[in-house]
């Protein structure tokens, strides 16, 4: 089956064994079902600001996060409609619905997408090279070691 995808830039899993793809040319965003049927489509020119080059894409609950390292982040709904733009120029974003995690200038913030309140959180490590968040699991790369913490 031909899915009419040009050059794939990013992809991520979605609910119900579906998946999202983001094309490089024009930043077209599409969601496909497990049967490879296109269930949602959005044009990047209508969603994102100029010069936006996404680094990562992640779905959690009813939200899809697309972000650029040291750039903006966009939250979309499960139909590919833009809900919020975060022009924070943060070095890292992650989503664990209903929370958006933002790391900027070594300040870690949890932003609630339901209440629109921010809370700054003290991280357990400083001077780390990289951070990965998956659900409530936090992985820090510091020198040649990986540290794992669970948010409770």
Foldseek 3Di string as FASTA:
>chain_A
DDLPADAWQAKDADPQRKIWTFHPVQRKIFIAHNVRHTDAIDGPVVADDPPFDWDYWYDADQWIWTHHAQAKIFIAGVRRHTDDIGGPSFRDWDDHPQWIWTHHPNWIWIAGNVVRDIDTDDDPDPDFDDWDDDNQWIWTHRPNDIDIDGDD
